[in-house]
Amino acid sequence: MSSLNSLFNRSTFGTKCKTCLNLVISRIKLLRNRRELQLINMRKEMVQYLQTGQESIARIRVEHIIREQNILAAYEIVELFCEFVLARVPIVEVQKECPLELREAIASIIFASGRCSDLPELMHLRTLFTTKYGKEFVAAAMELRPDSGVNRTIIEKLSVKAPSAESKLKVLKAIAQEYSLEWDSSNTEAEFNKTYEDLLDGSGSSAHQARAPIIESSPVASISRDKLSVSISPVVDTGKYQAPQSPSSPAGTVAAHAATKTNMVSQEHRRSPDDEISCSNPSLSDVLEKARAAIAAANRASAAARAAADLVKVKISS
């Protein structure tokens, strides 16, 4: 490894690029043989699942098979691009800008470097191309910008998107046909065609909220609530201050007048919500003004009642 590092530090761009490309091609051949064996074993396991009626497990494991097939296809494309660039390293080394005929190959190699962890040499190639063409060129390929030039097939093969139901059913049928298995795919097709309710989008809760009665937003309810809050204001009971007196006395007349006014105010405040709802709906400012006026009238009536009671006490004591 130390000799390899020293080679990278002392050699030119062309030598480094050739070395990395040769290492990528050799590693891809080794990985392809290993993954092909794994894929064969996985397909045999899939046949056993179908034979024993474990279709639920087969529907899940088939995604892994599709993923392995996509990786193998992506490795093949990367290998072809590496061989293509390797044959034209002298052109890449001479020209300052990326040649148009090599743009797709180099951009695809850069894109695959961040998604093929089994090929660490691709990271070294990305570093070399960053030094050669700049960070913007590499960022355009990594972020799949419109002018990146990355191969569309390798984008699809290295995508992390889950395979569709059609592709999974197609692979299952191909495996059954390959091993001459008589498999009834009707249950699997029905399972793939099912539509499940998405519980994460909050549609159920929003529908429940739509069905629930909205009381807070009703203007009539708000007016009634304001009126009821006013009617709860304390009114002093003047009965306990009153003493037996003659209706013809001046103090009795004042006290009776004050008590009558207080009762009228309290009865006005204790009107039922239905009466308030039946009235026309005024604005909120008008309601507040009426509430303040009613409170002030109640306070004045209470003060008059207390004054009358005190006057009655004074008359009785004298």
C-alpha atoms as a PDB file:
ATOM      1  CA  MET A   1       0.000   0.000   0.000  1.00  0.00           C
ATOM      2  CA  SER A   2       2.881   2.349   0.746  1.00  0.00           C
ATOM      3  CA  SER A   3       4.312   1.776  -2.717  1.00  0.00           C
ATOM      4  CA  LEU A   4       0.901   2.560  -4.196  1.00  0.00           C
ATOM      5  CA  ASN A   5       0.700   5.800  -2.217  1.00  0.00           C
ATOM      6  CA  SER A   6       4.178   6.793  -3.287  1.00  0.00           C
ATOM      7  CA  LEU A   7       3.218   6.064  -6.876  1.00  0.00           C
ATOM      8  CA  PHE A   8       0.185   8.326  -6.612  1.00  0.00           C
ATOM      9  CA  ASN A   9       2.209  11.111  -5.042  1.00  0.00           C
ATOM     10  CA  ARG A  10       4.984  11.108  -7.625  1.00  0.00           C
ATOM     11  CA  SER A  11       3.309  10.101 -10.860  1.00  0.00           C
ATOM     12  CA  THR A  12       1.450  12.326 -13.306  1.00  0.00           C
ATOM     13  CA  PHE A  13      -2.272  12.521 -13.907  1.00  0.00           C
ATOM     14  CA  GLY A  14      -2.155  10.045 -16.787  1.00  0.00           C
ATOM     15  CA  THR A  15      -0.305   7.404 -14.794  1.00  0.00           C
ATOM     16  CA  LYS A  16      -2.589   7.764 -11.778  1.00  0.00           C
ATOM     17  CA  CYS A  17      -5.693   7.593 -13.946  1.00  0.00           C
ATOM     18  CA  LYS A  18      -4.502   4.459 -15.767  1.00  0.00           C
ATOM     19  CA  THR A  19      -3.653   2.737 -12.496  1.00  0.00           C
ATOM     20  CA  CYS A  20      -7.035   3.481 -10.953  1.00  0.00           C
ATOM     21  CA  LEU A  21      -8.928   2.440 -14.066  1.00  0.00           C
ATOM     22  CA  ASN A  22      -7.080  -0.877 -14.260  1.00  0.00           C
ATOM     23  CA  LEU A  23      -7.787  -1.548 -10.579  1.00  0.00           C
ATOM     24  CA  VAL A  24     -11.491  -0.782 -11.047  1.00  0.00           C
ATOM     25  CA  ILE A  25     -11.765  -3.137 -14.009  1.00  0.00           C
ATOM     26  CA  SER A  26     -10.020  -5.952 -12.149  1.00  0.00           C
ATOM     27  CA  ARG A  27     -12.140  -5.501  -9.031  1.00  0.00           C
ATOM     28  CA  ILE A  28     -15.377  -5.405 -11.022  1.00  0.00           C
ATOM     29  CA  LYS A  29     -14.545  -8.788 -12.588  1.00  0.00           C
ATOM     30  CA  LEU A  30     -13.986 -10.324  -9.167  1.00  0.00           C
ATOM     31  CA  LEU A  31     -17.148  -8.811  -7.697  1.00  0.00           C
ATOM     32  CA  ARG A  32     -19.205  -9.864 -10.682  1.00  0.00           C
ATOM     33  CA  ASN A  33     -18.262 -13.536 -10.264  1.00  0.00           C
ATOM     34  CA  ARG A  34     -19.092 -13.431  -6.562  1.00  0.00           C
ATOM     35  CA  ARG A  35     -22.406 -11.634  -7.000  1.00  0.00           C
ATOM     36  CA  GLU A  36     -23.478 -13.933  -9.825  1.00  0.00           C
ATOM     37  CA  LEU A  37     -23.048 -16.935  -7.535  1.00  0.00           C
ATOM     38  CA  GLN A  38     -25.029 -15.205  -4.818  1.00  0.00           C
ATOM     39  CA  LEU A  39     -27.753 -14.360  -7.303  1.00  0.00           C
ATOM     40  CA  ILE A  40     -28.032 -17.980  -8.434  1.00  0.00           C
ATOM     41  CA  ASN A  41     -28.414 -19.146  -4.827  1.00  0.00           C
ATOM     42  CA  MET A  42     -31.035 -16.490  -4.164  1.00  0.00           C
ATOM     43  CA  ARG A  43     -33.057 -17.570  -7.191  1.00  0.00           C
ATOM     44  CA  LYS A  44     -32.955 -21.185  -5.997  1.00  0.00           C
ATOM     45  CA  GLU A  45     -34.242 -20.089  -2.592  1.00  0.00           C
ATOM     46  CA  MET A  46     -37.007 -18.206  -4.343  1.00  0.00           C
ATOM     47  CA  VAL A  47     -38.073 -21.410  -6.092  1.00  0.00           C
ATOM     48  CA  GLN A  48     -38.303 -23.164  -2.735  1.00  0.00           C
ATOM     49  CA  TYR A  49     -40.475 -20.396  -1.338  1.00  0.00           C
ATOM     50  CA  LEU A  50     -42.833 -20.684  -4.297  1.00  0.00           C
ATOM     51  CA  GLN A  51     -42.992 -24.457  -4.066  1.00  0.00           C
ATOM     52  CA  THR A  52     -43.831 -24.461  -0.354  1.00  0.00           C
ATOM     53  CA  GLY A  53     -46.488 -21.765  -0.736  1.00  0.00           C
ATOM     54  CA  GLN A  54     -44.518 -19.051   1.120  1.00  0.00           C
ATOM     55  CA  GLU A  55     -45.416 -16.373  -1.381  1.00  0.00           C
ATOM     56  CA  SER A  56     -45.418 -13.617   1.230  1.00  0.00           C
ATOM     57  CA  ILE A  57     -41.706 -14.199   1.840  1.00  0.00           C
ATOM     58  CA  ALA A  58     -41.063 -14.492  -1.887  1.00  0.00           C
ATOM     59  CA  ARG A  59     -42.675 -11.096  -2.519  1.00  0.00           C
ATOM     60  CA  ILE A  60     -40.233  -9.525  -0.083  1.00  0.00           C
ATOM     61  CA  ARG A  61     -37.082 -11.385  -1.104  1.00  0.00           C
ATOM     62  CA  VAL A  62     -37.629 -10.680  -4.776  1.00  0.00           C
ATOM     63  CA  GLU A  63     -36.735  -7.042  -4.141  1.00  0.00           C
ATOM     64  CA  HIS A  64     -33.265  -8.155  -3.029  1.00  0.00           C
ATOM     65  CA  ILE A  65     -32.875 -10.154  -6.223  1.00  0.00           C
ATOM     66  CA  ILE A  66     -33.835  -7.135  -8.327  1.00  0.00           C
ATOM     67  CA  ARG A  67     -31.349  -5.030  -6.389  1.00  0.00           C
ATOM     68  CA  GLU A  68     -28.535  -7.511  -7.060  1.00  0.00           C
ATOM     69  CA  GLN A  69     -29.414  -7.641 -10.744  1.00  0.00           C
ATOM     70  CA  ASN A  70     -29.334  -3.846 -10.948  1.00  0.00           C
ATOM     71  CA  ILE A  71     -25.931  -3.701  -9.251  1.00  0.00           C
ATOM     72  CA  LEU A  72     -24.531  -6.257 -11.675  1.00  0.00           C
ATOM     73  CA  ALA A  73     -25.858  -4.252 -14.615  1.00  0.00           C
ATOM     74  CA  ALA A  74     -24.374  -1.056 -13.156  1.00  0.00           C
ATOM     75  CA  TYR A  75     -20.988  -2.761 -12.680  1.00  0.00           C
ATOM     76  CA  GLU A  76     -21.033  -3.818 -16.310  1.00  0.00           C
ATOM     77  CA  ILE A  77     -21.709  -0.252 -17.464  1.00  0.00           C
ATOM     78  CA  VAL A  78     -18.980   1.148 -15.199  1.00  0.00           C
ATOM     79  CA  GLU A  79     -16.531  -1.423 -16.523  1.00  0.00           C
ATOM     80  CA  LEU A  80     -17.283  -0.435 -20.116  1.00  0.00           C
ATOM     81  CA  PHE A  81     -16.860   3.259 -19.308  1.00  0.00           C
ATOM     82  CA  CYS A  82     -13.569   2.600 -17.517  1.00  0.00           C
ATOM     83  CA  GLU A  83     -12.220   0.696 -20.519  1.00  0.00           C
ATOM     84  CA  PHE A  84     -13.410   3.512 -22.778  1.00  0.00           C
ATOM     85  CA  VAL A  85     -11.634   6.188 -20.717  1.00  0.00           C
ATOM     86  CA  LEU A  86      -8.522   4.006 -20.292  1.00  0.00           C
ATOM     87  CA  ALA A  87      -8.063   3.840 -24.039  1.00  0.00           C
ATOM     88  CA  ARG A  88      -8.233   7.655 -24.262  1.00  0.00           C
ATOM     89  CA  VAL A  89      -6.177   8.708 -21.257  1.00  0.00           C
ATOM     90  CA  PRO A  90      -3.605  10.511 -23.457  1.00  0.00           C
ATOM     91  CA  ILE A  91      -6.399  12.713 -24.845  1.00  0.00           C
ATOM     92  CA  VAL A  92      -7.714  13.446 -21.336  1.00  0.00           C
ATOM     93  CA  GLU A  93      -4.220  14.303 -20.128  1.00  0.00           C
ATOM     94  CA  VAL A  94      -3.539  16.753 -22.941  1.00  0.00           C
ATOM     95  CA  GLN A  95      -6.837  18.653 -23.046  1.00  0.00           C
ATOM     96  CA  LYS A  96      -7.691  21.045 -20.251  1.00  0.00           C
ATOM     97  CA  GLU A  97     -11.467  20.685 -20.635  1.00  0.00           C
ATOM     98  CA  CYS A  98     -13.380  17.427 -20.667  1.00  0.00           C
ATOM     99  CA  PRO A  99     -13.779  16.107 -24.236  1.00  0.00           C
ATOM    100  CA  LEU A 100     -17.363  15.845 -25.411  1.00  0.00           C
ATOM    101  CA  GLU A 101     -17.013  12.192 -26.412  1.00  0.00           C
ATOM    102  CA  LEU A 102     -15.750  11.339 -22.907  1.00  0.00           C
ATOM    103  CA  ARG A 103     -18.142  13.496 -20.948  1.00  0.00           C
ATOM    104  CA  GLU A 104     -20.790  10.789 -20.440  1.00  0.00           C
ATOM    105  CA  ALA A 105     -18.218   8.163 -19.428  1.00  0.00           C
ATOM    106  CA  ILE A 106     -16.373  10.404 -16.948  1.00  0.00           C
ATOM    107  CA  ALA A 107     -19.592  11.831 -15.470  1.00  0.00           C
ATOM    108  CA  SER A 108     -21.031   8.319 -15.021  1.00  0.00           C
ATOM    109  CA  ILE A 109     -17.846   7.169 -13.247  1.00  0.00           C
ATOM    110  CA  ILE A 110     -18.055  10.151 -10.908  1.00  0.00           C
ATOM    111  CA  PHE A 111     -21.740   9.473 -10.221  1.00  0.00           C
ATOM    112  CA  ALA A 112     -21.085   5.785  -9.475  1.00  0.00           C
ATOM    113  CA  SER A 113     -18.215   6.599  -7.091  1.00  0.00           C
ATOM    114  CA  GLY A 114     -20.625   7.697  -4.356  1.00  0.00           C
ATOM    115  CA  ARG A 115     -22.974   4.716  -4.805  1.00  0.00           C
ATOM    116  CA  CYS A 116     -20.641   1.759  -5.299  1.00  0.00           C
ATOM    117  CA  SER A 117     -18.946   1.208  -1.947  1.00  0.00           C
ATOM    118  CA  ASP A 118     -17.385  -2.027  -3.222  1.00  0.00           C
ATOM    119  CA  LEU A 119     -15.259  -0.016  -5.661  1.00  0.00           C
ATOM    120  CA  PRO A 120     -13.074   2.339  -3.590  1.00  0.00           C
ATOM    121  CA  GLU A 121     -10.882   3.090  -6.601  1.00  0.00           C
ATOM    122  CA  LEU A 122     -13.722   5.137  -8.029  1.00  0.00           C
ATOM    123  CA  MET A 123     -13.222   7.625  -5.200  1.00  0.00           C
ATOM    124  CA  HIS A 124      -9.588   8.077  -6.274  1.00  0.00           C
ATOM    125  CA  LEU A 125     -10.764   8.668  -9.825  1.00  0.00           C
ATOM    126  CA  ARG A 126     -13.237  11.266  -8.612  1.00  0.00           C
ATOM    127  CA  THR A 127     -10.439  13.051  -6.772  1.00  0.00           C
ATOM    128  CA  LEU A 128      -8.317  13.064  -9.933  1.00  0.00           C
ATOM    129  CA  PHE A 129     -11.172  14.416 -12.039  1.00  0.00           C
ATOM    130  CA  THR A 130     -11.873  17.081  -9.401  1.00  0.00           C
ATOM    131  CA  THR A 131      -8.284  18.257  -9.681  1.00  0.00           C
ATOM    132  CA  LYS A 132      -8.461  18.147 -13.469  1.00  0.00           C
ATOM    133  CA  TYR A 133     -11.862  19.710 -14.214  1.00  0.00           C
ATOM    134  CA  GLY A 134     -12.827  21.479 -10.998  1.00  0.00           C
ATOM    135  CA  LYS A 135     -15.412  21.014  -8.278  1.00  0.00           C
ATOM    136  CA  GLU A 136     -18.350  22.298 -10.355  1.00  0.00           C
ATOM    137  CA  PHE A 137     -17.945  19.555 -12.931  1.00  0.00           C
ATOM    138  CA  VAL A 138     -17.889  16.874 -10.243  1.00  0.00           C
ATOM    139  CA  ALA A 139     -20.799  18.432  -8.322  1.00  0.00           C
ATOM    140  CA  ALA A 140     -22.921  18.512 -11.484  1.00  0.00           C
ATOM    141  CA  ALA A 141     -22.404  14.778 -11.969  1.00  0.00           C
ATOM    142  CA  MET A 142     -23.014  13.908  -8.318  1.00  0.00           C
ATOM    143  CA  GLU A 143     -26.182  16.026  -8.069  1.00  0.00           C
ATOM    144  CA  LEU A 144     -27.511  14.951 -11.493  1.00  0.00           C
ATOM    145  CA  ARG A 145     -27.847  18.434 -12.882  1.00  0.00           C
ATOM    146  CA  PRO A 146     -29.391  18.829 -16.351  1.00  0.00           C
ATOM    147  CA  ASP A 147     -26.015  19.379 -18.000  1.00  0.00           C
ATOM    148  CA  SER A 148     -24.195  16.612 -16.109  1.00  0.00           C
ATOM    149  CA  GLY A 149     -24.295  14.044 -18.929  1.00  0.00           C
ATOM    150  CA  VAL A 150     -24.622  11.004 -16.633  1.00  0.00           C
ATOM    151  CA  ASN A 151     -25.859   7.853 -18.361  1.00  0.00           C
ATOM    152  CA  ARG A 152     -29.580   7.306 -17.731  1.00  0.00           C
ATOM    153  CA  THR A 153     -29.292   3.557 -17.447  1.00  0.00           C
ATOM    154  CA  ILE A 154     -26.726   3.720 -14.669  1.00  0.00           C
ATOM    155  CA  ILE A 155     -28.930   6.238 -12.832  1.00  0.00           C
ATOM    156  CA  GLU A 156     -31.840   3.789 -12.911  1.00  0.00           C
ATOM    157  CA  LYS A 157     -29.705   0.810 -11.895  1.00  0.00           C
ATOM    158  CA  LEU A 158     -28.145   2.607  -8.922  1.00  0.00           C
ATOM    159  CA  SER A 159     -31.398   4.194  -7.767  1.00  0.00           C
ATOM    160  CA  VAL A 160     -32.575   3.435  -4.223  1.00  0.00           C
ATOM    161  CA  LYS A 161     -36.220   3.570  -5.275  1.00  0.00           C
ATOM    162  CA  ALA A 162     -38.219   0.450  -4.492  1.00  0.00           C
ATOM    163  CA  PRO A 163     -39.050  -1.689  -7.533  1.00  0.00           C
ATOM    164  CA  SER A 164     -42.551  -1.559  -8.914  1.00  0.00           C
ATOM    165  CA  ALA A 165     -45.088  -4.358  -8.545  1.00  0.00           C
ATOM    166  CA  GLU A 166     -44.888  -5.118 -12.270  1.00  0.00           C
ATOM    167  CA  SER A 167     -41.136  -5.634 -12.152  1.00  0.00           C
ATOM    168  CA  LYS A 168     -41.370  -7.887  -9.089  1.00  0.00           C
ATOM    169  CA  LEU A 169     -44.092 -10.009 -10.684  1.00  0.00           C
ATOM    170  CA  LYS A 170     -42.070 -10.234 -13.891  1.00  0.00           C
ATOM    171  CA  VAL A 171     -38.997 -11.516 -12.020  1.00  0.00           C
ATOM    172  CA  LEU A 172     -41.056 -14.078 -10.092  1.00  0.00           C
ATOM    173  CA  LYS A 173     -42.571 -15.412 -13.310  1.00  0.00           C
ATOM    174  CA  ALA A 174     -39.146 -15.566 -14.957  1.00  0.00           C
ATOM    175  CA  ILE A 175     -37.725 -17.569 -12.029  1.00  0.00           C
ATOM    176  CA  ALA A 176     -40.653 -19.992 -12.116  1.00  0.00           C
ATOM    177  CA  GLN A 177     -40.264 -20.431 -15.861  1.00  0.00           C
ATOM    178  CA  GLU A 178     -36.494 -20.900 -15.584  1.00  0.00           C
ATOM    179  CA  TYR A 179     -36.863 -23.807 -13.162  1.00  0.00           C
ATOM    180  CA  SER A 180     -39.983 -25.225 -14.894  1.00  0.00           C
ATOM    181  CA  LEU A 181     -42.157 -24.561 -11.873  1.00  0.00           C
ATOM    182  CA  GLU A 182     -45.925 -24.632 -12.224  1.00  0.00           C
ATOM    183  CA  TRP A 183     -46.836 -21.631 -10.140  1.00  0.00           C
ATOM    184  CA  ASP A 184     -50.207 -19.920  -9.926  1.00  0.00           C
ATOM    185  CA  SER A 185     -49.487 -16.200  -9.764  1.00  0.00           C
ATOM    186  CA  SER A 186     -53.094 -15.089  -9.228  1.00  0.00           C
ATOM    187  CA  ASN A 187     -52.683 -14.601  -5.456  1.00  0.00           C
ATOM    188  CA  THR A 188     -49.491 -12.621  -5.903  1.00  0.00           C
ATOM    189  CA  GLU A 189     -51.044 -10.465  -8.614  1.00  0.00           C
ATOM    190  CA  ALA A 190     -54.034  -9.746  -6.385  1.00  0.00           C
ATOM    191  CA  GLU A 191     -51.701  -8.822  -3.519  1.00  0.00           C
ATOM    192  CA  PHE A 192     -49.683  -6.486  -5.738  1.00  0.00           C
ATOM    193  CA  ASN A 193     -52.851  -4.821  -7.035  1.00  0.00           C
ATOM    194  CA  LYS A 194     -54.152  -4.030  -3.553  1.00  0.00           C
ATOM    195  CA  THR A 195     -54.239  -0.395  -2.543  1.00  0.00           C
ATOM    196  CA  TYR A 196     -53.413   0.262   1.081  1.00  0.00           C
ATOM    197  CA  GLU A 197     -54.488   3.346   2.993  1.00  0.00           C
ATOM    198  CA  ASP A 198     -51.630   5.672   3.715  1.00  0.00           C
ATOM    199  CA  LEU A 199     -51.811   6.410   7.445  1.00  0.00           C
ATOM    200  CA  LEU A 200     -48.907   8.863   7.403  1.00  0.00           C
ATOM    201  CA  ASP A 201     -50.501  11.598   5.298  1.00  0.00           C
ATOM    202  CA  GLY A 202     -53.003  12.559   8.025  1.00  0.00           C
ATOM    203  CA  SER A 203     -56.031  12.131   5.766  1.00  0.00           C
ATOM    204  CA  GLY A 204     -57.993  10.243   8.421  1.00  0.00           C
ATOM    205  CA  SER A 205     -57.452  12.838  11.081  1.00  0.00           C
ATOM    206  CA  SER A 206     -58.324  15.671   8.713  1.00  0.00           C
ATOM    207  CA  ALA A 207     -61.571  13.966   7.749  1.00  0.00           C
ATOM    208  CA  HIS A 208     -62.428  13.481  11.409  1.00  0.00           C
ATOM    209  CA  GLN A 209     -61.741  17.130  12.060  1.00  0.00           C
ATOM    210  CA  ALA A 210     -63.961  18.079   9.121  1.00  0.00           C
ATOM    211  CA  ARG A 211     -66.835  16.018  10.508  1.00  0.00           C
ATOM    212  CA  ALA A 212     -66.506  17.465  14.023  1.00  0.00           C
ATOM    213  CA  PRO A 213     -68.732  20.487  14.768  1.00  0.00           C
ATOM    214  CA  ILE A 214     -66.768  23.708  14.785  1.00  0.00           C
ATOM    215  CA  ILE A 215     -68.094  25.717  17.698  1.00  0.00           C
ATOM    216  CA  GLU A 216     -65.246  28.119  18.277  1.00  0.00           C
ATOM    217  CA  SER A 217     -65.491  29.722  14.847  1.00  0.00           C
ATOM    218  CA  SER A 218     -69.240  30.479  15.099  1.00  0.00           C
ATOM    219  CA  PRO A 219     -69.924  34.229  15.562  1.00  0.00           C
ATOM    220  CA  VAL A 220     -73.219  33.528  17.354  1.00  0.00           C
ATOM    221  CA  ALA A 221     -71.476  31.296  19.854  1.00  0.00           C
ATOM    222  CA  SER A 222     -68.806  33.910  20.480  1.00  0.00           C
ATOM    223  CA  ILE A 223     -71.434  36.578  21.093  1.00  0.00           C
ATOM    224  CA  SER A 224     -73.386  34.329  23.464  1.00  0.00           C
ATOM    225  CA  ARG A 225     -70.179  33.474  25.309  1.00  0.00           C
ATOM    226  CA  ASP A 226     -69.378  37.153  25.757  1.00  0.00           C
ATOM    227  CA  LYS A 227     -72.891  37.877  26.999  1.00  0.00           C
ATOM    228  CA  LEU A 228     -72.816  34.995  29.439  1.00  0.00           C
ATOM    229  CA  SER A 229     -69.485  36.169  30.815  1.00  0.00           C
ATOM    230  CA  VAL A 230     -71.062  39.544  31.482  1.00  0.00           C
ATOM    231  CA  SER A 231     -74.062  38.002  33.251  1.00  0.00           C
ATOM    232  CA  ILE A 232     -71.790  36.233  35.728  1.00  0.00           C
ATOM    233  CA  SER A 233     -70.537  39.563  37.095  1.00  0.00           C
ATOM    234  CA  PRO A 234     -71.295  39.809  40.806  1.00  0.00           C
ATOM    235  CA  VAL A 235     -74.331  41.837  41.863  1.00  0.00           C
ATOM    236  CA  VAL A 236     -74.597  42.721  45.493  1.00  0.00           C
ATOM    237  CA  ASP A 237     -77.703  41.345  47.151  1.00  0.00           C
ATOM    238  CA  THR A 238     -79.300  44.335  48.809  1.00  0.00           C
ATOM    239  CA  GLY A 239     -81.837  42.268  50.702  1.00  0.00           C
ATOM    240  CA  LYS A 240     -79.522  41.655  53.619  1.00  0.00           C
ATOM    241  CA  TYR A 241     -79.024  45.398  54.121  1.00  0.00           C
ATOM    242  CA  GLN A 242     -82.702  46.192  54.126  1.00  0.00           C
ATOM    243  CA  ALA A 243     -84.559  46.570  57.403  1.00  0.00           C
ATOM    244  CA  PRO A 244     -88.306  46.617  58.103  1.00  0.00           C
ATOM    245  CA  GLN A 245     -89.515  50.057  57.190  1.00  0.00           C
ATOM    246  CA  SER A 246     -92.555  51.865  56.052  1.00  0.00           C
ATOM    247  CA  PRO A 247     -93.082  52.071  52.328  1.00  0.00           C
ATOM    248  CA  SER A 248     -94.014  55.713  52.741  1.00  0.00           C
ATOM    249  CA  SER A 249     -90.649  56.703  54.293  1.00  0.00           C
ATOM    250  CA  PRO A 250     -88.138  58.482  52.041  1.00  0.00           C
ATOM    251  CA  ALA A 251     -85.397  55.952  52.846  1.00  0.00           C
ATOM    252  CA  GLY A 252     -87.729  53.089  51.938  1.00  0.00           C
ATOM    253  CA  THR A 253     -88.551  54.753  48.669  1.00  0.00           C
ATOM    254  CA  VAL A 254     -84.850  55.197  47.799  1.00  0.00           C
ATOM    255  CA  ALA A 255     -84.030  51.637  48.792  1.00  0.00           C
ATOM    256  CA  ALA A 256     -86.960  50.220  46.837  1.00  0.00           C
ATOM    257  CA  HIS A 257     -85.982  52.220  43.768  1.00  0.00           C
ATOM    258  CA  ALA A 258     -82.369  51.051  44.020  1.00  0.00           C
ATOM    259  CA  ALA A 259     -83.411  47.424  44.529  1.00  0.00           C
ATOM    260  CA  THR A 260     -85.789  47.585  41.579  1.00  0.00           C
ATOM    261  CA  LYS A 261     -83.064  49.011  39.329  1.00  0.00           C
ATOM    262  CA  THR A 262     -80.619  46.344  40.455  1.00  0.00           C
ATOM    263  CA  ASN A 263     -83.112  43.556  39.750  1.00  0.00           C
ATOM    264  CA  MET A 264     -83.837  44.973  36.321  1.00  0.00           C
ATOM    265  CA  VAL A 265     -80.112  45.065  35.450  1.00  0.00           C
ATOM    266  CA  SER A 266     -79.546  41.540  36.743  1.00  0.00           C
ATOM    267  CA  GLN A 267     -82.562  40.221  34.823  1.00  0.00           C
ATOM    268  CA  GLU A 268     -81.303  41.942  31.704  1.00  0.00           C
ATOM    269  CA  HIS A 269     -77.919  40.241  32.148  1.00  0.00           C
ATOM    270  CA  ARG A 270     -79.461  36.838  32.865  1.00  0.00           C
ATOM    271  CA  ARG A 271     -81.306  36.590  29.611  1.00  0.00           C
ATOM    272  CA  SER A 272     -81.066  33.160  28.000  1.00  0.00           C
ATOM    273  CA  PRO A 273     -78.536  32.496  25.209  1.00  0.00           C
ATOM    274  CA  ASP A 274     -81.421  31.667  22.879  1.00  0.00           C
ATOM    275  CA  ASP A 275     -82.686  35.256  23.148  1.00  0.00           C
ATOM    276  CA  GLU A 276     -79.217  36.530  22.326  1.00  0.00           C
ATOM    277  CA  ILE A 277     -78.830  34.145  19.399  1.00  0.00           C
ATOM    278  CA  SER A 278     -82.201  35.169  17.998  1.00  0.00           C
ATOM    279  CA  CYS A 279     -81.071  38.785  17.869  1.00  0.00           C
ATOM    280  CA  SER A 280     -79.089  40.199  15.022  1.00  0.00           C
ATOM    281  CA  ASN A 281     -75.382  39.488  15.244  1.00  0.00           C
ATOM    282  CA  PRO A 282     -73.538  42.759  16.015  1.00  0.00           C
ATOM    283  CA  SER A 283     -69.855  43.210  15.669  1.00  0.00           C
ATOM    284  CA  LEU A 284     -67.491  42.255  18.443  1.00  0.00           C
ATOM    285  CA  SER A 285     -66.760  45.878  19.353  1.00  0.00           C
ATOM    286  CA  ASP A 286     -70.440  46.641  19.859  1.00  0.00           C
ATOM    287  CA  VAL A 287     -70.822  43.608  22.095  1.00  0.00           C
ATOM    288  CA  LEU A 288     -67.884  44.686  24.218  1.00  0.00           C
ATOM    289  CA  GLU A 289     -69.243  48.220  24.536  1.00  0.00           C
ATOM    290  CA  LYS A 290     -72.639  46.928  25.666  1.00  0.00           C
ATOM    291  CA  ALA A 291     -70.980  44.589  28.136  1.00  0.00           C
ATOM    292  CA  ARG A 292     -68.949  47.429  29.637  1.00  0.00           C
ATOM    293  CA  ALA A 293     -72.066  49.622  29.898  1.00  0.00           C
ATOM    294  CA  ALA A 294     -74.011  46.839  31.612  1.00  0.00           C
ATOM    295  CA  ILE A 295     -71.218  46.272  34.106  1.00  0.00           C
ATOM    296  CA  ALA A 296     -71.027  49.988  34.874  1.00  0.00           C
ATOM    297  CA  ALA A 297     -74.808  50.166  35.391  1.00  0.00           C
ATOM    298  CA  ALA A 298     -74.694  47.178  37.713  1.00  0.00           C
ATOM    299  CA  ASN A 299     -71.904  48.763  39.738  1.00  0.00           C
ATOM    300  CA  ARG A 300     -73.829  52.032  40.056  1.00  0.00           C
ATOM    301  CA  ALA A 301     -76.975  50.182  41.128  1.00  0.00           C
ATOM    302  CA  SER A 302     -75.011  48.241  43.722  1.00  0.00           C
ATOM    303  CA  ALA A 303     -73.461  51.458  45.062  1.00  0.00           C
ATOM    304  CA  ALA A 304     -76.901  53.100  45.277  1.00  0.00           C
ATOM    305  CA  ALA A 305     -78.300  50.079  47.099  1.00  0.00           C
ATOM    306  CA  ARG A 306     -75.466  50.141  49.598  1.00  0.00           C
ATOM    307  CA  ALA A 307     -75.952  53.887  50.156  1.00  0.00           C
ATOM    308  CA  ALA A 308     -79.663  53.380  50.711  1.00  0.00           C
ATOM    309  CA  ALA A 309     -79.008  50.590  53.174  1.00  0.00           C
ATOM    310  CA  ASP A 310     -76.534  52.750  55.081  1.00  0.00           C
ATOM    311  CA  LEU A 311     -79.073  55.570  55.153  1.00  0.00           C
ATOM    312  CA  VAL A 312     -81.718  53.223  56.510  1.00  0.00           C
ATOM    313  CA  LYS A 313     -79.358  52.080  59.258  1.00  0.00           C
ATOM    314  CA  VAL A 314     -78.640  55.670  60.208  1.00  0.00           C
ATOM    315  CA  LYS A 315     -82.330  56.548  60.371  1.00  0.00           C
ATOM    316  CA  ILE A 316     -83.123  53.506  62.495  1.00  0.00           C
ATOM    317  CA  SER A 317     -80.290  54.148  64.923  1.00  0.00           C
ATOM    318  CA  SER A 318     -81.303  57.814  65.331  1.00  0.00           C
END
